[in-house]
PDB file of N, CA and C in Angstrom:
ATOM      1  N   UNK A   1     107.187 104.224  98.622  1.00  0.00           N
ATOM      2  CA  UNK A   1     108.618 104.621  98.823  1.00  0.00           C
ATOM      3  C   UNK A   1     109.656 105.053  97.197  1.00  0.00           C
ATOM      4  N   UNK A   2     109.161 104.150  96.964  1.00  0.00           N
ATOM      5  CA  UNK A   2     110.413 103.262  95.336  1.00  0.00           C
ATOM      6  C   UNK A   2     110.565 104.823  94.518  1.00  0.00           C
ATOM      7  N   UNK A   3     109.410 106.051  94.842  1.00  0.00           N
ATOM      8  CA  UNK A   3     109.279 107.522  94.626  1.00  0.00           C
ATOM      9  C   UNK A   3     110.459 107.720  94.709  1.00  0.00           C
ATOM     10  N   UNK A   4     110.705 107.732  95.495  1.00  0.00           N
ATOM     11  CA  UNK A   4     111.910 108.509  96.543  1.00  0.00           C
ATOM     12  C   UNK A   4     113.171 107.498  96.815  1.00  0.00           C
ATOM     13  N   UNK A   5     113.844 107.028  96.100  1.00  0.00           N
ATOM     14  CA  UNK A   5     114.888 106.355  95.388  1.00  0.00           C
ATOM     15  C   UNK A   5     115.847 107.491  95.474  1.00  0.00           C
ATOM     16  N   UNK A   6     116.639 108.714  95.876  1.00  0.00           N
ATOM     17  CA  UNK A   6     117.732 109.357  95.641  1.00  0.00           C
ATOM     18  C   UNK A   6     118.198 109.769  96.686  1.00  0.00           C
ATOM     19  N   UNK A   7     119.550 110.282  96.179  1.00  0.00           N
ATOM     20  CA  UNK A   7     121.048 110.073  97.368  1.00  0.00           C
ATOM     21  C   UNK A   7     120.707 110.483  98.728  1.00  0.00           C
ATOM     22  N   UNK A   8     120.503 111.977  98.092  1.00  0.00           N
ATOM     23  CA  UNK A   8     119.409 112.176  99.715  1.00  0.00           C
ATOM     24  C   UNK A   8     118.612 112.012 100.223  1.00  0.00           C
ATOM     25  N   UNK A   9     117.880 111.612 100.060  1.00  0.00           N
ATOM     26  CA  UNK A   9     116.455 110.393 101.007  1.00  0.00           C
ATOM     27  C   UNK A   9     117.575 109.298 101.053  1.00  0.00           C
ATOM     28  N   UNK A  10     118.338 108.862 100.931  1.00  0.00           N
ATOM     29  CA  UNK A  10     119.304 107.429 101.309  1.00  0.00           C
ATOM     30  C   UNK A  10     120.383 107.624 102.744  1.00  0.00           C
ATOM     31  N   UNK A  11     119.614 109.355 102.162  1.00  0.00           N
ATOM     32  CA  UNK A  11     120.842 109.911 103.333  1.00  0.00           C
ATOM     33  C   UNK A  11     120.363 110.170 104.945  1.00  0.00           C
ATOM     34  N   UNK A  12     119.037 110.342 104.708  1.00  0.00           N
ATOM     35  CA  UNK A  12     118.083 110.636 105.777  1.00  0.00           C
ATOM     36  C   UNK A  12     118.120 109.564 106.857  1.00  0.00           C
ATOM     37  N   UNK A  13     118.452 109.766 108.125  1.00  0.00           N
ATOM     38  CA  UNK A  13     118.447 108.944 108.896  1.00  0.00           C
ATOM     39  C   UNK A  13     117.268 109.744 109.968  1.00  0.00           C
ATOM     40  N   UNK A  14     117.585 110.668 110.376  1.00  0.00           N
ATOM     41  CA  UNK A  14     116.429 110.882 111.416  1.00  0.00           C
ATOM     42  C   UNK A  14     115.759 112.329 110.889  1.00  0.00           C
ATOM     43  N   UNK A  15     114.028 112.294 111.375  1.00  0.00           N
ATOM     44  CA  UNK A  15     113.271 113.531 110.713  1.00  0.00           C
ATOM     45  C   UNK A  15     112.587 114.031 111.849  1.00  0.00           C
ATOM     46  N   UNK A  16     113.075 115.249 111.866  1.00  0.00           N
ATOM     47  CA  UNK A  16     112.333 116.031 112.637  1.00  0.00           C
ATOM     48  C   UNK A  16     110.973 116.389 112.974  1.00  0.00           C
ATOM     49  N   UNK A  17     110.733 116.656 113.862  1.00  0.00           N
ATOM     50  CA  UNK A  17     108.781 116.907 114.708  1.00  0.00           C
ATOM     51  C   UNK A  17     107.753 116.500 113.164  1.00  0.00           C
ATOM     52  N   UNK A  18     107.649 115.372 112.976  1.00  0.00           N
ATOM     53  CA  UNK A  18     106.799 114.754 111.918  1.00  0.00           C
ATOM     54  C   UNK A  18     105.556 114.616 112.155  1.00  0.00           C
ATOM     55  N   UNK A  19     104.750 114.328 113.305  1.00  0.00           N
ATOM     56  CA  UNK A  19     104.230 114.362 113.689  1.00  0.00           C
ATOM     57  C   UNK A  19     103.457 115.577 115.149  1.00  0.00           C
ATOM     58  N   UNK A  20     102.479 116.276 115.059  1.00  0.00           N
ATOM     59  CA  UNK A  20     101.946 117.130 116.005  1.00  0.00           C
ATOM     60  C   UNK A  20     101.953 116.789 117.608  1.00  0.00           C
ATOM     61  N   UNK A  21     102.196 115.289 117.849  1.00  0.00           N
ATOM     62  CA  UNK A  21     102.077 115.699 118.823  1.00  0.00           C
ATOM     63  C   UNK A  21     103.741 114.569 119.696  1.00  0.00           C
ATOM     64  N   UNK A  22     103.963 113.883 119.122  1.00  0.00           N
ATOM     65  CA  UNK A  22     105.307 113.128 118.212  1.00  0.00           C
ATOM     66  C   UNK A  22     105.956 114.104 119.584  1.00  0.00           C
ATOM     67  N   UNK A  23     107.461 113.237 119.539  1.00  0.00           N
ATOM     68  CA  UNK A  23     109.137 113.328 120.864  1.00  0.00           C
ATOM     69  C   UNK A  23     109.130 114.579 118.894  1.00  0.00           C
ATOM     70  N   UNK A  24     110.871 115.358 119.025  1.00  0.00           N
ATOM     71  CA  UNK A  24     111.357 116.576 118.498  1.00  0.00           C
ATOM     72  C   UNK A  24     111.654 115.706 117.411  1.00  0.00           C
ATOM     73  N   UNK A  25     112.167 114.476 117.353  1.00  0.00           N
ATOM     74  CA  UNK A  25     113.308 114.102 116.595  1.00  0.00           C
ATOM     75  C   UNK A  25     112.364 112.422 116.380  1.00  0.00           C
ATOM     76  N   UNK A  26     112.710 111.771 115.639  1.00  0.00           N
ATOM     77  CA  UNK A  26     112.025 110.541 115.282  1.00  0.00           C
ATOM     78  C   UNK A  26     112.584 109.506 114.227  1.00  0.00           C
ATOM     79  N   UNK A  27     114.086 108.449 114.478  1.00  0.00           N
ATOM     80  CA  UNK A  27     114.261 107.886 113.634  1.00  0.00           C
ATOM     81  C   UNK A  27     113.667 107.598 112.016  1.00  0.00           C
ATOM     82  N   UNK A  28     114.115 107.434 111.665  1.00  0.00           N
ATOM     83  CA  UNK A  28     113.508 107.287 110.134  1.00  0.00           C
ATOM     84  C   UNK A  28     112.683 105.620 110.269  1.00  0.00           C
ATOM     85  N   UNK A  29     113.694 104.746 110.937  1.00  0.00           N
ATOM     86  CA  UNK A  29     113.124 102.928 110.877  1.00  0.00           C
ATOM     87  C   UNK A  29     111.850 103.654 112.394  1.00  0.00           C
ATOM     88  N   UNK A  30     111.582 103.858 112.735  1.00  0.00           N
ATOM     89  CA  UNK A  30     110.614 104.097 113.287  1.00  0.00           C
ATOM     90  C   UNK A  30     109.073 104.732 112.698  1.00  0.00           C
ATOM     91  N   UNK A  31     109.503 105.176 111.964  1.00  0.00           N
ATOM     92  CA  UNK A  31     108.444 106.013 110.730  1.00  0.00           C
ATOM     93  C   UNK A  31     108.169 105.576 109.087  1.00  0.00           C
ATOM     94  N   UNK A  32     107.024 105.798 108.745  1.00  0.00           N
ATOM     95  CA  UNK A  32     106.590 105.421 107.422  1.00  0.00           C
ATOM     96  C   UNK A  32     107.140 106.722 106.330  1.00  0.00           C
ATOM     97  N   UNK A  33     108.175 106.907 106.777  1.00  0.00           N
ATOM     98  CA  UNK A  33     108.596 108.278 105.730  1.00  0.00           C
ATOM     99  C   UNK A  33     109.062 107.792 104.596  1.00  0.00           C
ATOM    100  N   UNK A  34     108.985 108.283 102.724  1.00  0.00           N
ATOM    101  CA  UNK A  34     109.575 107.781 102.486  1.00  0.00           C
ATOM    102  C   UNK A  34     110.705 107.842 101.925  1.00  0.00           C
ATOM    103  N   UNK A  35     111.469 109.394 103.010  1.00  0.00           N
ATOM    104  CA  UNK A  35     112.435 109.374 103.140  1.00  0.00           C
ATOM    105  C   UNK A  35     113.461 108.816 104.408  1.00  0.00           C
ATOM    106  N   UNK A  36     114.514 107.229 103.214  1.00  0.00           N
ATOM    107  CA  UNK A  36     114.895 107.063 104.130  1.00  0.00           C
ATOM    108  C   UNK A  36     115.983 105.782 103.490  1.00  0.00           C
ATOM    109  N   UNK A  37     116.798 105.821 104.147  1.00  0.00           N
ATOM    110  CA  UNK A  37     117.978 104.733 103.388  1.00  0.00           C
ATOM    111  C   UNK A  37     117.680 103.316 102.297  1.00  0.00           C
ATOM    112  N   UNK A  38     116.562 102.717 103.399  1.00  0.00           N
ATOM    113  CA  UNK A  38     115.833 101.605 101.873  1.00  0.00           C
ATOM    114  C   UNK A  38     114.688 102.182 101.330  1.00  0.00           C
ATOM    115  N   UNK A  39     114.170 102.180 100.076  1.00  0.00           N
ATOM    116  CA  UNK A  39     113.137 102.929  99.633  1.00  0.00           C
ATOM    117  C   UNK A  39     112.173 101.393  99.870  1.00  0.00           C
ATOM    118  N   UNK A  40     112.105 100.949 101.091  1.00  0.00           N
ATOM    119  CA  UNK A  40     111.166  99.814 100.959  1.00  0.00           C
ATOM    120  C   UNK A  40     109.753 100.164 102.125  1.00  0.00           C
ATOM    121  N   UNK A  41     108.887  99.559 101.838  1.00  0.00           N
ATOM    122  CA  UNK A  41     107.456  99.827 103.153  1.00  0.00           C
ATOM    123  C   UNK A  41     107.087  98.757 103.474  1.00  0.00           C
ATOM    124  N   UNK A  42     106.038  98.501 104.084  1.00  0.00           N
ATOM    125  CA  UNK A  42     105.570  97.543 104.418  1.00  0.00           C
ATOM    126  C   UNK A  42     104.181  98.375 104.822  1.00  0.00           C
ATOM    127  N   UNK A  43     103.385  97.489 103.824  1.00  0.00           N
ATOM    128  CA  UNK A  43     101.721  97.768 104.403  1.00  0.00           C
ATOM    129  C   UNK A  43     100.846  96.697 104.364  1.00  0.00           C
ATOM    130  N   UNK A  44      99.629  96.353 104.947  1.00  0.00           N
ATOM    131  CA  UNK A  44      98.604  95.900 105.534  1.00  0.00           C
ATOM    132  C   UNK A  44      97.841  96.376 104.693  1.00  0.00           C
ATOM    133  N   UNK A  45      97.230  95.009 103.541  1.00  0.00           N
ATOM    134  CA  UNK A  45      96.378  95.246 102.897  1.00  0.00           C
ATOM    135  C   UNK A  45      95.441  94.426 101.923  1.00  0.00           C
ATOM    136  N   UNK A  46      93.683  94.891 102.130  1.00  0.00           N
ATOM    137  CA  UNK A  46      93.316  93.753 101.786  1.00  0.00           C
ATOM    138  C   UNK A  46      93.230  93.105  99.950  1.00  0.00           C
ATOM    139  N   UNK A  47      93.415  92.330  99.055  1.00  0.00           N
ATOM    140  CA  UNK A  47      93.720  91.805  98.348  1.00  0.00           C
ATOM    141  C   UNK A  47      91.718  92.178  97.121  1.00  0.00           C
ATOM    142  N   UNK A  48      92.272  93.578  96.572  1.00  0.00           N
ATOM    143  CA  UNK A  48      90.787  93.205  95.769  1.00  0.00           C
ATOM    144  C   UNK A  48      90.432  92.088  94.791  1.00  0.00           C
ATOM    145  N   UNK A  49      91.115  91.902  93.760  1.00  0.00           N
ATOM    146  CA  UNK A  49      91.300  90.550  92.675  1.00  0.00           C
ATOM    147  C   UNK A  49      92.351  90.582  92.409  1.00  0.00           C
ATOM    148  N   UNK A  50      92.506  89.308  91.799  1.00  0.00           N
ATOM    149  CA  UNK A  50      93.952  88.419  91.503  1.00  0.00           C
ATOM    150  C   UNK A  50      93.588  88.037  90.123  1.00  0.00           C
ATOM    151  N   UNK A  51      94.505  88.754  88.678  1.00  0.00           N
ATOM    152  CA  UNK A  51      94.348  88.537  87.455  1.00  0.00           C
ATOM    153  C   UNK A  51      95.469  87.990  87.151  1.00  0.00           C
ATOM    154  N   UNK A  52      95.243  86.670  87.120  1.00  0.00           N
ATOM    155  CA  UNK A  52      96.670  85.652  86.682  1.00  0.00           C
ATOM    156  C   UNK A  52      97.021  85.868  85.174  1.00  0.00           C
ATOM    157  N   UNK A  53      96.493  86.259  84.209  1.00  0.00           N
ATOM    158  CA  UNK A  53      96.587  85.949  83.274  1.00  0.00           C
ATOM    159  C   UNK A  53      97.325  87.781  83.031  1.00  0.00           C
ATOM    160  N   UNK A  54      97.324  88.229  83.409  1.00  0.00           N
ATOM    161  CA  UNK A  54      98.026  89.763  83.509  1.00  0.00           C
ATOM    162  C   UNK A  54      99.393  89.696  84.588  1.00  0.00           C
ATOM    163  N   UNK A  55      99.279  88.887  85.297  1.00  0.00           N
ATOM    164  CA  UNK A  55      99.723  89.400  86.039  1.00  0.00           C
ATOM    165  C   UNK A  55     100.042  90.359  87.594  1.00  0.00           C
ATOM    166  N   UNK A  56      98.368  90.686  87.897  1.00  0.00           N
ATOM    167  CA  UNK A  56      98.197  92.217  88.196  1.00  0.00           C
ATOM    168  C   UNK A  56      98.000  91.499  89.955  1.00  0.00           C
ATOM    169  N   UNK A  57      97.264  92.126  90.770  1.00  0.00           N
ATOM    170  CA  UNK A  57      96.984  92.343  92.280  1.00  0.00           C
ATOM    171  C   UNK A  57      96.683  93.183  92.084  1.00  0.00           C
ATOM    172  N   UNK A  58      95.548  93.523  92.472  1.00  0.00           N
ATOM    173  CA  UNK A  58      94.303  95.075  92.736  1.00  0.00           C
ATOM    174  C   UNK A  58      94.483  94.916  94.405  1.00  0.00           C
ATOM    175  N   UNK A  59      94.458  95.826  95.244  1.00  0.00           N
ATOM    176  CA  UNK A  59      94.746  96.029  96.599  1.00  0.00           C
ATOM    177  C   UNK A  59      93.594  97.035  96.822  1.00  0.00           C
ATOM    178  N   UNK A  60      92.952  97.485  98.013  1.00  0.00           N
ATOM    179  CA  UNK A  60      92.477  98.575  98.468  1.00  0.00           C
ATOM    180  C   UNK A  60      93.631  98.992  99.140  1.00  0.00           C
ATOM    181  N   UNK A  61      92.803  99.935  99.547  1.00  0.00           N
ATOM    182  CA  UNK A  61      93.475 101.098 100.222  1.00  0.00           C
ATOM    183  C   UNK A  61      95.341 100.959 100.522  1.00  0.00           C
ATOM    184  N   UNK A  62      96.206 101.591 100.328  1.00  0.00           N
ATOM    185  CA  UNK A  62      97.125 101.088 100.204  1.00  0.00           C
ATOM    186  C   UNK A  62      97.793 102.742 100.315  1.00  0.00           C
ATOM    187  N   UNK A  63      98.778 102.760 101.360  1.00  0.00           N
ATOM    188  CA  UNK A  63      99.277 103.945 101.582  1.00  0.00           C
ATOM    189  C   UNK A  63     100.724 103.770 100.605  1.00  0.00           C
ATOM    190  N   UNK A  64     100.127 103.880  99.080  1.00  0.00           N
ATOM    191  CA  UNK A  64     101.617 104.309  98.095  1.00  0.00           C
ATOM    192  C   UNK A  64     100.810 104.296  97.111  1.00  0.00           C
ATOM    193  N   UNK A  65     101.679 104.810  96.009  1.00  0.00           N
ATOM    194  CA  UNK A  65     101.502 105.602  94.660  1.00  0.00           C
ATOM    195  C   UNK A  65     100.704 104.545  93.855  1.00  0.00           C
ATOM    196  N   UNK A  66      99.526 104.696  93.176  1.00  0.00           N
ATOM    197  CA  UNK A  66      99.464 104.145  91.917  1.00  0.00           C
ATOM    198  C   UNK A  66     100.819 103.078  91.136  1.00  0.00           C
ATOM    199  N   UNK A  67     100.446 102.141  90.566  1.00  0.00           N
ATOM    200  CA  UNK A  67     102.046 102.142  89.895  1.00  0.00           C
ATOM    201  C   UNK A  67     102.890 101.080  90.892  1.00  0.00           C
ATOM    202  N   UNK A  68     102.970 101.448  92.218  1.00  0.00           N
ATOM    203  CA  UNK A  68     104.361 101.378  93.004  1.00  0.00           C
ATOM    204  C   UNK A  68     104.287  99.873  93.090  1.00  0.00           C
ATOM    205  N   UNK A  69     105.699  99.386  92.960  1.00  0.00           N
ATOM    206  CA  UNK A  69     106.088  98.010  92.402  1.00  0.00           C
ATOM    207  C   UNK A  69     106.131  97.488  93.549  1.00  0.00           C
ATOM    208  N   UNK A  70     105.082  95.950  93.777  1.00  0.00           N
ATOM    209  CA  UNK A  70     105.408  95.046  95.171  1.00  0.00           C
ATOM    210  C   UNK A  70     105.912  94.277  95.404  1.00  0.00           C
ATOM    211  N   UNK A  71     107.179  94.178  96.245  1.00  0.00           N
ATOM    212  CA  UNK A  71     108.083  92.800  96.277  1.00  0.00           C
ATOM    213  C   UNK A  71     107.576  91.907  96.904  1.00  0.00           C
ATOM    214  N   UNK A  72     106.731  91.502  97.390  1.00  0.00           N
ATOM    215  CA  UNK A  72     106.060  90.281  98.241  1.00  0.00           C
ATOM    216  C   UNK A  72     105.136  90.690  99.063  1.00  0.00           C
ATOM    217  N   UNK A  73     104.137  89.084  98.638  1.00  0.00           N
ATOM    218  CA  UNK A  73     102.686  89.576  99.627  1.00  0.00           C
ATOM    219  C   UNK A  73     102.857  87.875 100.394  1.00  0.00           C
ATOM    220  N   UNK A  74     102.564  88.335 101.818  1.00  0.00           N
ATOM    221  CA  UNK A  74     102.459  87.329 102.475  1.00  0.00           C
ATOM    222  C   UNK A  74     100.921  87.589 102.925  1.00  0.00           C
ATOM    223  N   UNK A  75     100.037  86.059 103.338  1.00  0.00           N
ATOM    224  CA  UNK A  75      98.835  86.167 104.213  1.00  0.00           C
ATOM    225  C   UNK A  75      99.268  86.764 105.520  1.00  0.00           C
ATOM    226  N   UNK A  76      97.816  87.905 105.756  1.00  0.00           N
ATOM    227  CA  UNK A  76      98.046  87.642 107.110  1.00  0.00           C
ATOM    228  C   UNK A  76      97.412  86.478 108.395  1.00  0.00           C
ATOM    229  N   UNK A  77      98.982  86.005 109.073  1.00  0.00           N
ATOM    230  CA  UNK A  77      98.357  84.824 109.474  1.00  0.00           C
ATOM    231  C   UNK A  77      98.584  85.586 111.314  1.00  0.00           C
ATOM    232  N   UNK A  78      97.323  85.291 112.144  1.00  0.00           N
ATOM    233  CA  UNK A  78      97.235  85.985 113.260  1.00  0.00           C
ATOM    234  C   UNK A  78      98.013  85.306 114.403  1.00  0.00           C
ATOM    235  N   UNK A  79      98.547  83.848 113.732  1.00  0.00           N
ATOM    236  CA  UNK A  79      99.235  83.289 114.815  1.00  0.00           C
ATOM    237  C   UNK A  79     101.071  84.041 115.036  1.00  0.00           C
ATOM    238  N   UNK A  80     101.249  84.865 113.775  1.00  0.00           N
ATOM    239  CA  UNK A  80     102.505  85.331 113.966  1.00  0.00           C
ATOM    240  C   UNK A  80     102.201  86.612 114.028  1.00  0.00           C
ATOM    241  N   UNK A  81     101.264  87.275 113.010  1.00  0.00           N
ATOM    242  CA  UNK A  81     101.170  88.445 113.143  1.00  0.00           C
ATOM    243  C   UNK A  81     100.588  89.697 114.022  1.00  0.00           C
ATOM    244  N   UNK A  82      99.195  89.030 114.527  1.00  0.00           N
ATOM    245  CA  UNK A  82      98.749  89.864 116.081  1.00  0.00           C
ATOM    246  C   UNK A  82      99.749  89.614 116.772  1.00  0.00           C
ATOM    247  N   UNK A  83      99.639  90.839 117.472  1.00  0.00           N
ATOM    248  CA  UNK A  83     100.237  91.511 118.803  1.00  0.00           C
ATOM    249  C   UNK A  83      98.859  91.682 119.668  1.00  0.00           C
ATOM    250  N   UNK A  84      98.597  90.552 120.724  1.00  0.00           N
ATOM    251  CA  UNK A  84      97.661  91.196 121.852  1.00  0.00           C
ATOM    252  C   UNK A  84      97.439  91.846 122.483  1.00  0.00           C
ATOM    253  N   UNK A  85      99.260  92.572 122.569  1.00  0.00           N
ATOM    254  CA  UNK A  85      98.731  93.822 123.867  1.00  0.00           C
ATOM    255  C   UNK A  85     100.705  94.632 123.523  1.00  0.00           C
ATOM    256  N   UNK A  86      99.803  95.273 122.033  1.00  0.00           N
ATOM    257  CA  UNK A  86     101.233  96.155 121.805  1.00  0.00           C
ATOM    258  C   UNK A  86     101.753  97.323 122.177  1.00  0.00           C
ATOM    259  N   UNK A  87     103.099  97.216 122.197  1.00  0.00           N
ATOM    260  CA  UNK A  87     103.774  98.825 123.533  1.00  0.00           C
ATOM    261  C   UNK A  87     103.185  99.764 122.333  1.00  0.00           C
ATOM    262  N   UNK A  88     102.165 100.837 122.644  1.00  0.00           N
ATOM    263  CA  UNK A  88     103.050 101.759 122.039  1.00  0.00           C
ATOM    264  C   UNK A  88     102.970 103.657 122.573  1.00  0.00           C
ATOM    265  N   UNK A  89     104.630 104.439 121.965  1.00  0.00           N
ATOM    266  CA  UNK A  89     104.570 105.285 122.465  1.00  0.00           C
ATOM    267  C   UNK A  89     102.772 106.370 122.263  1.00  0.00           C
ATOM    268  N   UNK A  90     103.433 107.157 123.827  1.00  0.00           N
ATOM    269  CA  UNK A  90     102.409 108.302 124.429  1.00  0.00           C
ATOM    270  C   UNK A  90     101.979 108.989 123.796  1.00  0.00           C
ATOM    271  N   UNK A  91     102.800 108.980 123.003  1.00  0.00           N
ATOM    272  CA  UNK A  91     102.302 109.980 122.069  1.00  0.00           C
ATOM    273  C   UNK A  91     101.370 109.697 120.347  1.00  0.00           C
ATOM    274  N   UNK A  92     101.111 108.842 120.630  1.00  0.00           N
ATOM    275  CA  UNK A  92     100.322 108.029 119.408  1.00  0.00           C
ATOM    276  C   UNK A  92      99.311 106.728 119.612  1.00  0.00           C
ATOM    277  N   UNK A  93      99.197 106.974 121.000  1.00  0.00           N
ATOM    278  CA  UNK A  93      98.361 105.966 121.443  1.00  0.00           C
ATOM    279  C   UNK A  93      96.699 106.093 121.895  1.00  0.00           C
ATOM    280  N   UNK A  94      96.784 107.580 121.139  1.00  0.00           N
ATOM    281  CA  UNK A  94      95.329 107.349 120.157  1.00  0.00           C
ATOM    282  C   UNK A  94      95.061 107.549 119.019  1.00  0.00           C
ATOM    283  N   UNK A  95      95.922 107.077 118.794  1.00  0.00           N
ATOM    284  CA  UNK A  95      95.299 106.863 116.865  1.00  0.00           C
ATOM    285  C   UNK A  95      94.401 105.239 116.852  1.00  0.00           C
ATOM    286  N   UNK A  96      93.675 104.428 116.137  1.00  0.00           N
ATOM    287  CA  UNK A  96      92.810 103.907 115.679  1.00  0.00           C
ATOM    288  C   UNK A  96      93.783 102.204 116.304  1.00  0.00           C
ATOM    289  N   UNK A  97      93.217 101.519 116.378  1.00  0.00           N
ATOM    290  CA  UNK A  97      94.089 100.104 117.206  1.00  0.00           C
ATOM    291  C   UNK A  97      93.636  99.685 116.333  1.00  0.00           C
ATOM    292  N   UNK A  98      93.140  99.430 114.532  1.00  0.00           N
ATOM    293  CA  UNK A  98      92.847  98.322 114.110  1.00  0.00           C
ATOM    294  C   UNK A  98      92.680  99.190 112.462  1.00  0.00           C
ATOM    295  N   UNK A  99      93.424  98.640 111.614  1.00  0.00           N
ATOM    296  CA  UNK A  99      93.251  98.761 109.748  1.00  0.00           C
ATOM    297  C   UNK A  99      91.875  99.200 109.347  1.00  0.00           C
ATOM    298  N   UNK A 100      90.933  98.575 110.090  1.00  0.00           N
ATOM    299  CA  UNK A 100      89.836  99.099 109.679  1.00  0.00           C
ATOM    300  C   UNK A 100      89.349 100.462 110.605  1.00  0.00           C
ATOM    301  N   UNK A 101      89.295 101.076 111.682  1.00  0.00           N
ATOM    302  CA  UNK A 101      89.176 101.868 112.482  1.00  0.00           C
ATOM    303  C   UNK A 101      90.291 103.130 111.568  1.00  0.00           C
ATOM    304  N   UNK A 102      90.970 103.077 111.137  1.00  0.00           N
ATOM    305  CA  UNK A 102      92.304 104.583 110.605  1.00  0.00           C
ATOM    306  C   UNK A 102      90.844 104.631 110.271  1.00  0.00           C
ATOM    307  N   UNK A 103      90.738 104.827 108.203  1.00  0.00           N
ATOM    308  CA  UNK A 103      89.597 104.743 107.785  1.00  0.00           C
ATOM    309  C   UNK A 103      89.022 106.143 108.207  1.00  0.00           C
ATOM    310  N   UNK A 104      88.368 105.987 109.052  1.00  0.00           N
ATOM    311  CA  UNK A 104      87.390 107.118 110.108  1.00  0.00           C
ATOM    312  C   UNK A 104      87.976 107.973 110.882  1.00  0.00           C
ATOM    313  N   UNK A 105      89.488 108.309 111.159  1.00  0.00           N
ATOM    314  CA  UNK A 105      90.314 108.701 111.679  1.00  0.00           C
ATOM    315  C   UNK A 105      90.520 110.232 111.088  1.00  0.00           C
ATOM    316  N   UNK A 106      91.380 111.127 111.943  1.00  0.00           N
ATOM    317  CA  UNK A 106      91.456 112.873 111.131  1.00  0.00           C
ATOM    318  C   UNK A 106      92.828 112.699 111.363  1.00  0.00           C
ATOM    319  N   UNK A 107      93.159 111.920 110.111  1.00  0.00           N
ATOM    320  CA  UNK A 107      94.948 111.605 110.612  1.00  0.00           C
ATOM    321  C   UNK A 107      95.777 112.900 110.012  1.00  0.00           C
ATOM    322  N   UNK A 108      94.636 114.164 109.475  1.00  0.00           N
ATOM    323  CA  UNK A 108      95.548 115.199 108.889  1.00  0.00           C
ATOM    324  C   UNK A 108      95.982 116.232 110.411  1.00  0.00           C
ATOM    325  N   UNK A 109      94.523 116.103 111.204  1.00  0.00           N
ATOM    326  CA  UNK A 109      95.390 116.324 112.267  1.00  0.00           C
ATOM    327  C   UNK A 109      97.026 116.152 113.337  1.00  0.00           C
ATOM    328  N   UNK A 110      97.115 114.913 112.621  1.00  0.00           N
ATOM    329  CA  UNK A 110      98.496 114.276 113.367  1.00  0.00           C
ATOM    330  C   UNK A 110      99.421 114.760 112.775  1.00  0.00           C
ATOM    331  N   UNK A 111      99.718 115.122 111.403  1.00  0.00           N
ATOM    332  CA  UNK A 111     100.852 115.163 110.897  1.00  0.00           C
ATOM    333  C   UNK A 111     100.940 117.126 110.623  1.00  0.00           C
ATOM    334  N   UNK A 112     102.780 116.596 110.051  1.00  0.00           N
ATOM    335  CA  UNK A 112     103.368 118.557 110.419  1.00  0.00           C
ATOM    336  C   UNK A 112     103.840 118.655 109.208  1.00  0.00           C
ATOM    337  N   UNK A 113     103.461 118.177 107.490  1.00  0.00           N
ATOM    338  CA  UNK A 113     104.018 117.711 106.499  1.00  0.00           C
ATOM    339  C   UNK A 113     102.729 117.779 105.698  1.00  0.00           C
TER     340      UNK A 113
END
């Protein structure tokens, strides 16, 4: 997201048909699009290592470019973060139900970009 911090992207509020099975338009705050008024994203990740000396935290797969700034880290807390019965739009209800399942899913077949 931080690589998209420019005036044009900060003025985008709606994306046209980003998902093959999705609606014709979706507001950017309902997406993980880098084109948005605020260049900040949220991701769930597994920490690979912490190097206290250099102040570096290594992360396993994250939907960000290598070297992207990380603003904050929070522990996953099931009593706060887990939603037992999430409501998912019909057009993406076939997507994986967990982070772990996502690695085996054919995401290329879902996007128009």
